Amino acid sequence: MKVWFVCMMVTWGLIALGQEKKYSTYYYQKATLFEELPITSTDIVFLGNSITDGGEWAELFGDCRIKNRGISGDIAEGVYDRLDAVLKGKPAKIFMMIGINDVARGTSADTIVGRIVRIMEKVAKESPRTKLYIESVLPVNDCYGKFQGHTSRGKVVEEINRLLKEEAQERQLTYIDLYSRFCNEEGKMNPEYSNDGLHLLGKGYLLWRQLLLPYIHE
């Protein structure tokens, strides 16, 4: 009871000071861990949300240089706020997919892409030798009745990807179109790759690996 009271007092104090936490408890658990884990100039970093978080990337590619820096539930602003832990190591490559949780919050495509552009600019400024790959946001599918905030807004995903491609080309960054390869004939996430319309099954990660393999080795 005493511990609970102390925790609540700290929480209320932070809120009173306008310092309430911006992100989830899990975000801070992972972000603080990533601050302690080194990144080197030969590493390949995967940045993103739960879809990235769920991949066993080093094992999928058989490459111990690949570091998973995905955090479930993350948004574009969250990635930006934890970039320093990645960029201080000046990694060789960054593969980034972010935006679908922003979609679920009702954020417009323009705003989401604007926040991703801030990430592009920060990488270019603070680690100019790092090669940044912009991955399209994956399609969604509302047939499962799950994650409806995400899966009901497939048209927003299409618009994000259109804008992302333009921004990447303007900055001479590599844009990787995963979206079209994960779509079914209806333009939604192929059920072969997902069982909830948002996250990936094993076959989905194998397809993702196949699509990224040329860029990992270039």
N, C-alpha and C. Protein backbone atom coordinates (compact mmCIF):
# COMPACT_ATOMS: atom_id res chain seq x y z
N MET A 1 0.83 -1.20 0.00
CA MET A 1 0.00 0.00 0.00
C MET A 1 0.87 1.26 0.00
N LYS A 2 1.92 1.21 0.80
CA LYS A 2 2.82 2.36 0.88
C LYS A 2 3.51 2.60 -0.46
N VAL A 3 3.95 1.52 -1.11
CA VAL A 3 4.62 1.65 -2.42
C VAL A 3 3.67 2.23 -3.44
N TRP A 4 2.41 1.74 -3.42
CA TRP A 4 1.40 2.27 -4.36
C TRP A 4 1.22 3.76 -4.15
N PHE A 5 1.14 4.18 -2.88
CA PHE A 5 0.92 5.59 -2.57
C PHE A 5 2.07 6.45 -3.09
N VAL A 6 3.31 5.97 -2.90
CA VAL A 6 4.47 6.71 -3.38
C VAL A 6 4.45 6.83 -4.89
N CYS A 7 4.12 5.73 -5.58
CA CYS A 7 4.07 5.75 -7.05
C CYS A 7 3.02 6.74 -7.54
N MET A 8 1.87 6.74 -6.89
CA MET A 8 0.82 7.65 -7.29
C MET A 8 1.21 9.10 -7.04
N MET A 9 1.88 9.36 -5.94
CA MET A 9 2.31 10.72 -5.65
C MET A 9 3.30 11.23 -6.70
N VAL A 10 4.21 10.34 -7.12
CA VAL A 10 5.18 10.71 -8.16
C VAL A 10 4.45 11.00 -9.46
N THR A 11 3.50 10.13 -9.81
CA THR A 11 2.74 10.32 -11.05
C THR A 11 1.97 11.63 -11.03
N TRP A 12 1.27 11.89 -9.92
CA TRP A 12 0.51 13.13 -9.82
C TRP A 12 1.43 14.35 -9.86
N GLY A 13 2.59 14.22 -9.25
CA GLY A 13 3.55 15.33 -9.26
C GLY A 13 4.02 15.66 -10.66
N LEU A 14 4.29 14.62 -11.44
CA LEU A 14 4.73 14.82 -12.82
C LEU A 14 3.64 15.48 -13.66
N ILE A 15 2.40 15.02 -13.47
CA ILE A 15 1.29 15.60 -14.22
C ILE A 15 1.12 17.07 -13.85
N ALA A 16 1.25 17.37 -12.56
CA ALA A 16 1.11 18.74 -12.10
C ALA A 16 2.17 19.64 -12.71
N LEU A 17 3.34 19.07 -12.96
CA LEU A 17 4.43 19.84 -13.53
C LEU A 17 4.42 19.84 -15.06
N GLY A 18 3.42 19.19 -15.61
CA GLY A 18 3.35 19.11 -17.07
C GLY A 18 4.38 18.17 -17.64
N GLN A 19 4.81 17.16 -16.86
CA GLN A 19 5.85 16.26 -17.32
C GLN A 19 5.33 14.82 -17.45
N GLU A 20 4.04 14.65 -17.69
CA GLU A 20 3.51 13.31 -17.85
C GLU A 20 4.18 12.64 -19.04
N LYS A 21 4.30 11.34 -18.97
CA LYS A 21 5.02 10.60 -20.00
C LYS A 21 4.27 10.65 -21.33
N LYS A 22 5.04 10.82 -22.40
CA LYS A 22 4.45 10.92 -23.74
C LYS A 22 4.08 9.57 -24.31
N TYR A 23 4.79 8.52 -23.88
CA TYR A 23 4.65 7.22 -24.51
C TYR A 23 4.32 6.14 -23.48
N SER A 24 4.21 4.91 -23.96
CA SER A 24 3.82 3.80 -23.08
C SER A 24 4.96 3.37 -22.16
N THR A 25 4.60 2.62 -21.13
CA THR A 25 5.61 2.04 -20.24
C THR A 25 6.57 1.16 -21.02
N TYR A 26 6.02 0.39 -21.96
CA TYR A 26 6.87 -0.50 -22.77
C TYR A 26 7.86 0.30 -23.60
N TYR A 27 7.41 1.44 -24.13
CA TYR A 27 8.31 2.29 -24.91
C TYR A 27 9.54 2.65 -24.08
N TYR A 28 9.33 3.10 -22.85
CA TYR A 28 10.46 3.52 -22.02
C TYR A 28 11.32 2.33 -21.59
N GLN A 29 10.70 1.18 -21.39
CA GLN A 29 11.48 -0.02 -21.08
C GLN A 29 12.45 -0.32 -22.21
N LYS A 30 11.94 -0.33 -23.43
CA LYS A 30 12.78 -0.65 -24.58
C LYS A 30 13.76 0.47 -24.92
N ALA A 31 13.27 1.70 -24.89
CA ALA A 31 14.13 2.83 -25.27
C ALA A 31 15.32 2.96 -24.33
N THR A 32 15.10 2.75 -23.04
CA THR A 32 16.22 2.85 -22.09
C THR A 32 17.17 1.68 -22.26
N LEU A 33 16.66 0.52 -22.65
CA LEU A 33 17.55 -0.61 -22.95
C LEU A 33 18.40 -0.29 -24.17
N PHE A 34 17.78 0.27 -25.21
CA PHE A 34 18.51 0.60 -26.43
C PHE A 34 19.60 1.65 -26.17
N GLU A 35 19.36 2.51 -25.21
CA GLU A 35 20.38 3.51 -24.86
C GLU A 35 21.65 2.85 -24.30
N GLU A 36 21.47 1.68 -23.72
CA GLU A 36 22.60 0.98 -23.11
C GLU A 36 23.30 0.03 -24.06
N LEU A 37 22.64 -0.34 -25.16
CA LEU A 37 23.21 -1.30 -26.09
C LEU A 37 23.96 -0.56 -27.20
N PRO A 38 25.19 -0.94 -27.47
CA PRO A 38 26.00 -0.18 -28.44
C PRO A 38 25.58 -0.42 -29.89
N ILE A 39 25.71 0.62 -30.68
CA ILE A 39 25.59 0.55 -32.14
C ILE A 39 26.96 0.92 -32.70
N THR A 40 27.41 0.19 -33.72
CA THR A 40 28.71 0.48 -34.32
C THR A 40 28.54 0.87 -35.78
N SER A 41 29.61 1.30 -36.37
CA SER A 41 29.57 1.80 -37.75
C SER A 41 29.38 0.70 -38.79
N THR A 42 29.44 -0.56 -38.36
CA THR A 42 29.18 -1.66 -39.30
C THR A 42 27.77 -2.23 -39.14
N ASP A 43 27.01 -1.71 -38.19
CA ASP A 43 25.70 -2.28 -37.88
C ASP A 43 24.63 -1.84 -38.87
N ILE A 44 23.60 -2.67 -38.96
CA ILE A 44 22.40 -2.41 -39.75
C ILE A 44 21.23 -2.38 -38.78
N VAL A 45 20.55 -1.25 -38.72
CA VAL A 45 19.51 -1.04 -37.71
C VAL A 45 18.12 -1.08 -38.35
N PHE A 46 17.23 -1.83 -37.72
CA PHE A 46 15.83 -1.86 -38.13
C PHE A 46 15.03 -1.03 -37.15
N LEU A 47 14.43 0.05 -37.63
CA LEU A 47 13.65 0.98 -36.81
C LEU A 47 12.16 0.85 -37.13
N GLY A 48 11.33 0.84 -36.09
CA GLY A 48 9.90 0.79 -36.35
C GLY A 48 9.07 0.51 -35.13
N ASN A 49 7.89 -0.04 -35.36
CA ASN A 49 6.93 -0.31 -34.30
C ASN A 49 6.83 -1.82 -34.04
N SER A 50 5.65 -2.31 -33.67
CA SER A 50 5.50 -3.72 -33.31
C SER A 50 5.81 -4.66 -34.47
N ILE A 51 5.56 -4.21 -35.69
CA ILE A 51 5.79 -5.08 -36.84
C ILE A 51 7.28 -5.33 -37.00
N THR A 52 8.09 -4.30 -36.78
CA THR A 52 9.54 -4.47 -36.76
C THR A 52 9.97 -5.20 -35.49
N ASP A 53 9.42 -4.80 -34.37
CA ASP A 53 9.74 -5.39 -33.07
C ASP A 53 9.60 -6.91 -33.11
N GLY A 54 8.60 -7.41 -33.83
CA GLY A 54 8.31 -8.84 -33.86
C GLY A 54 9.23 -9.67 -34.71
N GLY A 55 10.13 -9.06 -35.46
CA GLY A 55 11.01 -9.80 -36.36
C GLY A 55 12.32 -10.22 -35.72
N GLU A 56 12.70 -11.46 -35.92
CA GLU A 56 14.01 -11.95 -35.46
C GLU A 56 15.01 -11.70 -36.59
N TRP A 57 15.39 -10.43 -36.74
CA TRP A 57 16.09 -10.00 -37.95
C TRP A 57 17.48 -10.60 -38.11
N ALA A 58 18.25 -10.62 -37.06
CA ALA A 58 19.60 -11.19 -37.16
C ALA A 58 19.54 -12.65 -37.56
N GLU A 59 18.55 -13.34 -37.03
CA GLU A 59 18.38 -14.76 -37.36
C GLU A 59 17.83 -14.94 -38.77
N LEU A 60 16.90 -14.10 -39.16
CA LEU A 60 16.31 -14.19 -40.50
C LEU A 60 17.36 -14.00 -41.58
N PHE A 61 18.29 -13.06 -41.35
CA PHE A 61 19.31 -12.77 -42.35
C PHE A 61 20.63 -13.49 -42.07
N GLY A 62 20.73 -14.16 -40.93
CA GLY A 62 21.98 -14.81 -40.57
C GLY A 62 23.12 -13.82 -40.44
N ASP A 63 22.82 -12.65 -39.84
CA ASP A 63 23.79 -11.57 -39.79
C ASP A 63 23.71 -10.88 -38.43
N CYS A 64 24.72 -11.04 -37.62
CA CYS A 64 24.72 -10.50 -36.26
C CYS A 64 24.89 -8.98 -36.23
N ARG A 65 25.18 -8.37 -37.38
CA ARG A 65 25.29 -6.91 -37.42
C ARG A 65 23.92 -6.24 -37.38
N ILE A 66 22.86 -7.00 -37.63
CA ILE A 66 21.53 -6.43 -37.70
C ILE A 66 20.96 -6.28 -36.30
N LYS A 67 20.56 -5.06 -35.95
CA LYS A 67 20.05 -4.74 -34.62
C LYS A 67 18.59 -4.31 -34.73
N ASN A 68 17.75 -4.98 -33.95
CA ASN A 68 16.32 -4.67 -33.94
C ASN A 68 16.06 -3.52 -32.98
N ARG A 69 15.57 -2.42 -33.50
CA ARG A 69 15.23 -1.26 -32.69
C ARG A 69 13.75 -0.89 -32.89
N GLY A 70 12.93 -1.92 -33.04
CA GLY A 70 11.49 -1.72 -33.11
C GLY A 70 10.90 -1.68 -31.71
N ILE A 71 9.87 -0.86 -31.52
CA ILE A 71 9.14 -0.80 -30.25
C ILE A 71 7.65 -0.88 -30.54
N SER A 72 7.01 -1.87 -29.99
CA SER A 72 5.58 -2.04 -30.19
C SER A 72 4.81 -0.79 -29.77
N GLY A 73 3.90 -0.36 -30.61
CA GLY A 73 3.09 0.82 -30.33
C GLY A 73 3.72 2.14 -30.71
N ASP A 74 4.93 2.10 -31.25
CA ASP A 74 5.63 3.36 -31.51
C ASP A 74 5.02 4.13 -32.66
N ILE A 75 5.26 5.44 -32.62
CA ILE A 75 4.80 6.37 -33.64
C ILE A 75 6.00 7.13 -34.19
N ALA A 76 5.79 7.92 -35.24
CA ALA A 76 6.91 8.63 -35.86
C ALA A 76 7.63 9.53 -34.87
N GLU A 77 6.88 10.24 -34.05
CA GLU A 77 7.51 11.12 -33.07
C GLU A 77 8.33 10.34 -32.05
N GLY A 78 7.85 9.14 -31.70
CA GLY A 78 8.58 8.30 -30.76
C GLY A 78 9.92 7.85 -31.33
N VAL A 79 9.94 7.51 -32.62
CA VAL A 79 11.19 7.15 -33.27
C VAL A 79 12.15 8.33 -33.25
N TYR A 80 11.63 9.51 -33.59
CA TYR A 80 12.47 10.70 -33.58
C TYR A 80 13.09 10.94 -32.21
N ASP A 81 12.28 10.79 -31.16
CA ASP A 81 12.75 11.08 -29.81
C ASP A 81 13.80 10.10 -29.30
N ARG A 82 13.93 8.94 -29.94
CA ARG A 82 14.95 7.96 -29.49
C ARG A 82 16.05 7.74 -30.53
N LEU A 83 16.14 8.64 -31.49
CA LEU A 83 17.14 8.49 -32.55
C LEU A 83 18.58 8.61 -32.05
N ASP A 84 18.79 9.42 -31.03
CA ASP A 84 20.16 9.66 -30.58
C ASP A 84 20.88 8.38 -30.21
N ALA A 85 20.15 7.45 -29.60
CA ALA A 85 20.75 6.18 -29.19
C ALA A 85 21.23 5.36 -30.38
N VAL A 86 20.62 5.61 -31.55
CA VAL A 86 21.03 4.92 -32.78
C VAL A 86 22.14 5.69 -33.48
N LEU A 87 21.94 6.98 -33.62
CA LEU A 87 22.85 7.78 -34.45
C LEU A 87 24.21 8.01 -33.82
N LYS A 88 24.32 7.92 -32.51
CA LYS A 88 25.63 8.11 -31.89
C LYS A 88 26.61 7.03 -32.31
N GLY A 89 26.11 5.88 -32.77
CA GLY A 89 26.98 4.81 -33.24
C GLY A 89 27.31 4.88 -34.71
N LYS A 90 26.69 5.83 -35.45
CA LYS A 90 26.93 6.02 -36.89
C LYS A 90 26.79 4.70 -37.65
N PRO A 91 25.62 4.05 -37.59
CA PRO A 91 25.45 2.75 -38.25
C PRO A 91 25.61 2.84 -39.76
N ALA A 92 25.93 1.71 -40.37
CA ALA A 92 26.11 1.68 -41.82
C ALA A 92 24.78 1.91 -42.53
N LYS A 93 23.70 1.28 -42.03
CA LYS A 93 22.40 1.36 -42.68
C LYS A 93 21.29 1.41 -41.64
N ILE A 94 20.20 2.07 -42.00
CA ILE A 94 18.97 2.05 -41.22
C ILE A 94 17.83 1.71 -42.15
N PHE A 95 17.04 0.71 -41.77
CA PHE A 95 15.81 0.37 -42.47
C PHE A 95 14.66 0.79 -41.57
N MET A 96 13.81 1.68 -42.05
CA MET A 96 12.77 2.24 -41.21
C MET A 96 11.38 2.06 -41.80
N MET A 97 10.48 1.51 -40.98
CA MET A 97 9.06 1.49 -41.30
C MET A 97 8.30 2.04 -40.09
N ILE A 98 7.56 3.11 -40.27
CA ILE A 98 6.82 3.72 -39.18
C ILE A 98 5.60 4.45 -39.76
N GLY A 99 4.56 4.57 -38.95
CA GLY A 99 3.41 5.37 -39.38
C GLY A 99 2.05 4.77 -39.11
N ILE A 100 1.94 3.45 -39.01
CA ILE A 100 0.60 2.86 -38.90
C ILE A 100 -0.06 3.18 -37.57
N ASN A 101 0.70 3.32 -36.50
CA ASN A 101 0.08 3.69 -35.22
C ASN A 101 -0.33 5.17 -35.21
N ASP A 102 0.36 6.00 -35.99
CA ASP A 102 -0.08 7.37 -36.18
C ASP A 102 -1.44 7.39 -36.90
N VAL A 103 -1.58 6.50 -37.87
CA VAL A 103 -2.84 6.38 -38.60
C VAL A 103 -3.98 6.07 -37.64
N ALA A 104 -3.73 5.13 -36.72
CA ALA A 104 -4.76 4.71 -35.76
C ALA A 104 -5.18 5.84 -34.83
N ARG A 105 -4.30 6.83 -34.66
CA ARG A 105 -4.63 7.98 -33.81
C ARG A 105 -5.41 9.05 -34.56
N GLY A 106 -5.69 8.80 -35.84
CA GLY A 106 -6.45 9.75 -36.63
C GLY A 106 -5.62 10.86 -37.24
N THR A 107 -4.30 10.71 -37.20
CA THR A 107 -3.41 11.73 -37.75
C THR A 107 -3.45 11.70 -39.27
N SER A 108 -3.41 12.86 -39.88
CA SER A 108 -3.48 12.94 -41.35
C SER A 108 -2.19 12.43 -41.99
N ALA A 109 -2.30 12.01 -43.24
CA ALA A 109 -1.13 11.51 -43.97
C ALA A 109 -0.05 12.59 -44.07
N ASP A 110 -0.45 13.82 -44.34
CA ASP A 110 0.51 14.92 -44.45
C ASP A 110 1.30 15.11 -43.16
N THR A 111 0.62 15.07 -42.05
CA THR A 111 1.28 15.26 -40.75
C THR A 111 2.22 14.10 -40.45
N ILE A 112 1.76 12.88 -40.72
CA ILE A 112 2.59 11.70 -40.47
C ILE A 112 3.87 11.77 -41.29
N VAL A 113 3.73 12.06 -42.57
CA VAL A 113 4.91 12.12 -43.44
C VAL A 113 5.82 13.27 -43.02
N GLY A 114 5.24 14.38 -42.60
CA GLY A 114 6.06 15.48 -42.10
C GLY A 114 6.92 15.07 -40.92
N ARG A 115 6.38 14.24 -40.04
CA ARG A 115 7.14 13.76 -38.89
C ARG A 115 8.22 12.77 -39.32
N ILE A 116 7.93 11.99 -40.34
CA ILE A 116 8.95 11.07 -40.85
C ILE A 116 10.07 11.84 -41.54
N VAL A 117 9.71 12.91 -42.21
CA VAL A 117 10.72 13.76 -42.86
C VAL A 117 11.69 14.31 -41.81
N ARG A 118 11.20 14.67 -40.64
CA ARG A 118 12.09 15.13 -39.56
C ARG A 118 13.13 14.07 -39.23
N ILE A 119 12.73 12.81 -39.25
CA ILE A 119 13.66 11.71 -39.00
C ILE A 119 14.70 11.66 -40.11
N MET A 120 14.24 11.75 -41.35
CA MET A 120 15.17 11.75 -42.49
C MET A 120 16.21 12.86 -42.34
N GLU A 121 15.75 14.03 -41.96
CA GLU A 121 16.65 15.18 -41.85
C GLU A 121 17.64 15.02 -40.70
N LYS A 122 17.19 14.45 -39.61
CA LYS A 122 18.07 14.25 -38.45
C LYS A 122 19.15 13.23 -38.77
N VAL A 123 18.78 12.16 -39.45
CA VAL A 123 19.78 11.15 -39.85
C VAL A 123 20.81 11.78 -40.78
N ALA A 124 20.34 12.53 -41.77
CA ALA A 124 21.24 13.16 -42.73
C ALA A 124 22.20 14.14 -42.06
N LYS A 125 21.72 14.85 -41.06
CA LYS A 125 22.54 15.85 -40.38
C LYS A 125 23.53 15.23 -39.41
N GLU A 126 23.08 14.25 -38.62
CA GLU A 126 23.90 13.75 -37.53
C GLU A 126 24.71 12.50 -37.88
N SER A 127 24.30 11.81 -38.93
CA SER A 127 25.07 10.63 -39.35
C SER A 127 25.02 10.52 -40.87
N PRO A 128 25.65 11.46 -41.58
CA PRO A 128 25.50 11.56 -43.03
C PRO A 128 26.00 10.35 -43.81
N ARG A 129 26.87 9.55 -43.21
CA ARG A 129 27.37 8.36 -43.91
C ARG A 129 26.44 7.16 -43.76
N THR A 130 25.45 7.27 -42.88
CA THR A 130 24.46 6.20 -42.72
C THR A 130 23.52 6.20 -43.91
N LYS A 131 23.30 5.04 -44.50
CA LYS A 131 22.36 4.92 -45.61
C LYS A 131 20.99 4.59 -45.05
N LEU A 132 20.04 5.49 -45.28
CA LEU A 132 18.68 5.34 -44.76
C LEU A 132 17.76 4.80 -45.85
N TYR A 133 17.09 3.70 -45.53
CA TYR A 133 16.12 3.08 -46.44
C TYR A 133 14.72 3.33 -45.88
N ILE A 134 13.85 3.90 -46.70
CA ILE A 134 12.49 4.19 -46.30
C ILE A 134 11.58 3.08 -46.80
N GLU A 135 11.02 2.32 -45.88
CA GLU A 135 10.12 1.23 -46.24
C GLU A 135 8.68 1.74 -46.22
N SER A 136 7.90 1.33 -47.20
CA SER A 136 6.50 1.70 -47.22
C SER A 136 5.78 1.11 -46.00
N VAL A 137 4.72 1.77 -45.59
CA VAL A 137 3.84 1.20 -44.57
C VAL A 137 3.10 0.03 -45.21
N LEU A 138 2.92 -1.05 -44.48
CA LEU A 138 2.26 -2.23 -45.02
C LEU A 138 0.75 -2.02 -45.14
N PRO A 139 0.11 -2.76 -46.03
CA PRO A 139 -1.35 -2.68 -46.13
C PRO A 139 -1.99 -3.27 -44.87
N VAL A 140 -3.27 -2.98 -44.70
CA VAL A 140 -4.03 -3.51 -43.57
C VAL A 140 -5.26 -4.22 -44.13
N ASN A 141 -5.94 -4.96 -43.24
CA ASN A 141 -7.15 -5.68 -43.66
C ASN A 141 -8.14 -5.71 -42.50
N ASP A 142 -9.35 -5.23 -42.76
CA ASP A 142 -10.36 -5.13 -41.69
C ASP A 142 -11.26 -6.35 -41.59
N CYS A 143 -10.94 -7.42 -42.30
CA CYS A 143 -11.82 -8.59 -42.33
C CYS A 143 -11.85 -9.35 -41.00
N TYR A 144 -10.86 -9.12 -40.15
CA TYR A 144 -10.78 -9.84 -38.87
C TYR A 144 -11.53 -9.13 -37.75
N GLY A 145 -11.90 -7.88 -37.95
CA GLY A 145 -12.56 -7.12 -36.91
C GLY A 145 -11.66 -6.74 -35.76
N LYS A 146 -10.34 -6.72 -36.00
CA LYS A 146 -9.37 -6.38 -34.97
C LYS A 146 -8.61 -5.11 -35.36
N PHE A 147 -8.10 -4.41 -34.34
CA PHE A 147 -7.31 -3.19 -34.57
C PHE A 147 -8.01 -2.26 -35.56
N GLN A 148 -9.28 -2.01 -35.29
CA GLN A 148 -10.09 -1.27 -36.28
C GLN A 148 -9.61 0.16 -36.50
N GLY A 149 -8.97 0.75 -35.50
CA GLY A 149 -8.41 2.08 -35.70
C GLY A 149 -7.34 2.08 -36.77
N HIS A 150 -6.65 0.96 -36.89
CA HIS A 150 -5.62 0.81 -37.92
C HIS A 150 -6.23 0.32 -39.24
N THR A 151 -6.98 -0.78 -39.15
CA THR A 151 -7.36 -1.51 -40.35
C THR A 151 -8.50 -0.86 -41.14
N SER A 152 -9.19 0.09 -40.53
CA SER A 152 -10.28 0.77 -41.25
C SER A 152 -9.80 1.96 -42.06
N ARG A 153 -8.49 2.24 -42.01
CA ARG A 153 -7.98 3.46 -42.65
C ARG A 153 -6.92 3.15 -43.72
N GLY A 154 -7.23 2.12 -44.50
CA GLY A 154 -6.29 1.70 -45.53
C GLY A 154 -5.98 2.77 -46.57
N LYS A 155 -6.94 3.64 -46.86
CA LYS A 155 -6.71 4.70 -47.85
C LYS A 155 -5.67 5.70 -47.36
N VAL A 156 -5.63 5.91 -46.05
CA VAL A 156 -4.62 6.82 -45.48
C VAL A 156 -3.23 6.21 -45.67
N VAL A 157 -3.14 4.91 -45.51
CA VAL A 157 -1.85 4.22 -45.73
C VAL A 157 -1.38 4.43 -47.16
N GLU A 158 -2.27 4.30 -48.11
CA GLU A 158 -1.91 4.52 -49.51
C GLU A 158 -1.36 5.93 -49.72
N GLU A 159 -2.00 6.91 -49.12
CA GLU A 159 -1.56 8.30 -49.27
C GLU A 159 -0.20 8.52 -48.61
N ILE A 160 0.00 7.93 -47.45
CA ILE A 160 1.31 8.03 -46.78
C ILE A 160 2.40 7.50 -47.69
N ASN A 161 2.16 6.35 -48.27
CA ASN A 161 3.19 5.74 -49.12
C ASN A 161 3.48 6.57 -50.37
N ARG A 162 2.44 7.16 -50.93
CA ARG A 162 2.66 8.03 -52.10
C ARG A 162 3.55 9.22 -51.73
N LEU A 163 3.25 9.83 -50.59
CA LEU A 163 4.04 10.99 -50.15
C LEU A 163 5.44 10.59 -49.72
N LEU A 164 5.55 9.45 -49.06
CA LEU A 164 6.87 8.97 -48.63
C LEU A 164 7.79 8.73 -49.82
N LYS A 165 7.24 8.14 -50.86
CA LYS A 165 8.04 7.89 -52.06
C LYS A 165 8.56 9.18 -52.65
N GLU A 166 7.70 10.20 -52.70
CA GLU A 166 8.11 11.50 -53.23
C GLU A 166 9.21 12.13 -52.38
N GLU A 167 9.03 12.08 -51.06
CA GLU A 167 10.03 12.67 -50.16
C GLU A 167 11.36 11.94 -50.24
N ALA A 168 11.31 10.62 -50.33
CA ALA A 168 12.54 9.84 -50.42
C ALA A 168 13.28 10.16 -51.72
N GLN A 169 12.55 10.24 -52.81
CA GLN A 169 13.18 10.55 -54.10
C GLN A 169 13.79 11.93 -54.10
N GLU A 170 13.11 12.87 -53.47
CA GLU A 170 13.61 14.24 -53.41
C GLU A 170 14.93 14.31 -52.65
N ARG A 171 15.08 13.44 -51.65
CA ARG A 171 16.29 13.43 -50.82
C ARG A 171 17.30 12.38 -51.26
N GLN A 172 17.02 11.74 -52.39
CA GLN A 172 17.89 10.70 -52.96
C GLN A 172 18.09 9.55 -51.96
N LEU A 173 17.00 9.19 -51.30
CA LEU A 173 16.98 8.04 -50.42
C LEU A 173 16.30 6.88 -51.13
N THR A 174 16.63 5.68 -50.72
CA THR A 174 16.01 4.50 -51.31
C THR A 174 14.64 4.25 -50.67
N TYR A 175 13.62 4.22 -51.50
CA TYR A 175 12.27 3.88 -51.05
C TYR A 175 11.99 2.44 -51.45
N ILE A 176 11.57 1.64 -50.49
CA ILE A 176 11.31 0.22 -50.74
C ILE A 176 9.81 -0.03 -50.67
N ASP A 177 9.22 -0.42 -51.79
CA ASP A 177 7.78 -0.67 -51.86
C ASP A 177 7.48 -2.09 -51.39
N LEU A 178 7.15 -2.22 -50.13
CA LEU A 178 6.69 -3.49 -49.59
C LEU A 178 5.18 -3.64 -49.76
N TYR A 179 4.51 -2.50 -49.75
CA TYR A 179 3.05 -2.46 -49.75
C TYR A 179 2.44 -3.34 -50.85
N SER A 180 2.88 -3.13 -52.07
CA SER A 180 2.25 -3.81 -53.20
C SER A 180 2.47 -5.32 -53.15
N ARG A 181 3.55 -5.76 -52.53
CA ARG A 181 3.86 -7.19 -52.46
C ARG A 181 3.07 -7.90 -51.36
N PHE A 182 2.53 -7.13 -50.41
CA PHE A 182 1.75 -7.72 -49.33
C PHE A 182 0.25 -7.63 -49.59
N CYS A 183 -0.15 -6.94 -50.66
CA CYS A 183 -1.57 -6.75 -50.96
C CYS A 183 -2.18 -7.97 -51.65
N ASN A 184 -3.47 -8.17 -51.41
CA ASN A 184 -4.22 -9.14 -52.20
C ASN A 184 -4.90 -8.41 -53.36
N GLU A 185 -5.77 -9.09 -54.06
CA GLU A 185 -6.41 -8.50 -55.24
C GLU A 185 -7.33 -7.33 -54.88
N GLU A 186 -7.76 -7.27 -53.62
CA GLU A 186 -8.64 -6.19 -53.18
C GLU A 186 -7.85 -4.99 -52.66
N GLY A 187 -6.54 -5.07 -52.70
CA GLY A 187 -5.72 -3.98 -52.21
C GLY A 187 -5.59 -3.96 -50.69
N LYS A 188 -5.86 -5.10 -50.05
CA LYS A 188 -5.73 -5.21 -48.60
C LYS A 188 -4.63 -6.21 -48.25
N MET A 189 -4.22 -6.21 -46.98
CA MET A 189 -3.21 -7.17 -46.55
C MET A 189 -3.65 -8.59 -46.88
N ASN A 190 -2.80 -9.31 -47.57
CA ASN A 190 -3.08 -10.70 -47.94
C ASN A 190 -3.15 -11.56 -46.68
N PRO A 191 -4.28 -12.27 -46.46
CA PRO A 191 -4.41 -13.11 -45.27
C PRO A 191 -3.35 -14.20 -45.15
N GLU A 192 -2.65 -14.46 -46.23
CA GLU A 192 -1.55 -15.43 -46.17
C GLU A 192 -0.44 -14.94 -45.25
N TYR A 193 -0.37 -13.60 -45.05
CA TYR A 193 0.74 -13.02 -44.31
C TYR A 193 0.34 -12.46 -42.94
N SER A 194 -0.94 -12.47 -42.62
CA SER A 194 -1.39 -11.90 -41.35
C SER A 194 -2.64 -12.60 -40.87
N ASN A 195 -2.79 -12.72 -39.55
CA ASN A 195 -4.01 -13.31 -39.00
C ASN A 195 -4.82 -12.31 -38.16
N ASP A 196 -4.43 -11.02 -38.24
CA ASP A 196 -5.22 -10.00 -37.56
C ASP A 196 -5.38 -8.73 -38.40
N GLY A 197 -4.85 -8.76 -39.60
CA GLY A 197 -4.99 -7.62 -40.51
C GLY A 197 -3.96 -6.53 -40.33
N LEU A 198 -3.05 -6.73 -39.37
CA LEU A 198 -2.05 -5.70 -39.08
C LEU A 198 -0.65 -6.29 -38.89
N HIS A 199 -0.54 -7.28 -38.00
CA HIS A 199 0.75 -7.89 -37.70
C HIS A 199 1.01 -9.09 -38.60
N LEU A 200 2.26 -9.51 -38.63
CA LEU A 200 2.67 -10.51 -39.62
C LEU A 200 2.81 -11.92 -39.04
N LEU A 201 2.45 -12.88 -39.87
CA LEU A 201 2.76 -14.28 -39.62
C LEU A 201 4.18 -14.58 -40.11
N GLY A 202 4.63 -15.79 -39.86
CA GLY A 202 5.97 -16.18 -40.29
C GLY A 202 6.20 -15.98 -41.77
N LYS A 203 5.20 -16.34 -42.61
CA LYS A 203 5.35 -16.16 -44.06
C LYS A 203 5.54 -14.70 -44.43
N GLY A 204 4.90 -13.82 -43.64
CA GLY A 204 5.06 -12.39 -43.90
C GLY A 204 6.48 -11.94 -43.66
N TYR A 205 7.08 -12.41 -42.58
CA TYR A 205 8.47 -12.04 -42.31
C TYR A 205 9.43 -12.63 -43.34
N LEU A 206 9.11 -13.82 -43.83
CA LEU A 206 9.96 -14.41 -44.87
C LEU A 206 9.88 -13.61 -46.16
N LEU A 207 8.68 -13.12 -46.49
CA LEU A 207 8.55 -12.27 -47.69
C LEU A 207 9.30 -10.97 -47.48
N TRP A 208 9.16 -10.38 -46.33
CA TRP A 208 9.86 -9.13 -46.01
C TRP A 208 11.36 -9.33 -46.16
N ARG A 209 11.85 -10.42 -45.61
CA ARG A 209 13.28 -10.74 -45.75
C ARG A 209 13.69 -10.82 -47.21
N GLN A 210 12.89 -11.51 -48.01
CA GLN A 210 13.21 -11.66 -49.42
C GLN A 210 13.30 -10.31 -50.12
N LEU A 211 12.39 -9.41 -49.78
CA LEU A 211 12.34 -8.10 -50.44
C LEU A 211 13.49 -7.19 -50.01
N LEU A 212 13.98 -7.38 -48.78
CA LEU A 212 15.07 -6.54 -48.28
C LEU A 212 16.45 -7.09 -48.58
N LEU A 213 16.53 -8.36 -48.90
CA LEU A 213 17.84 -9.01 -49.05
C LEU A 213 18.78 -8.29 -50.01
N PRO A 214 18.32 -7.82 -51.18
CA PRO A 214 19.25 -7.11 -52.07
C PRO A 214 19.82 -5.84 -51.45
N TYR A 215 19.04 -5.17 -50.62
CA TYR A 215 19.48 -3.91 -50.00
C TYR A 215 20.41 -4.17 -48.81
N ILE A 216 20.22 -5.28 -48.15
CA ILE A 216 21.11 -5.65 -47.04
C ILE A 216 22.52 -5.87 -47.58
N HIS A 217 22.62 -6.47 -48.74
CA HIS A 217 23.93 -6.86 -49.27
C HIS A 217 24.53 -5.88 -50.26
N GLU A 218 23.80 -4.82 -50.62
CA GLU A 218 24.36 -3.91 -51.61
C GLU A 218 25.47 -3.04 -51.00
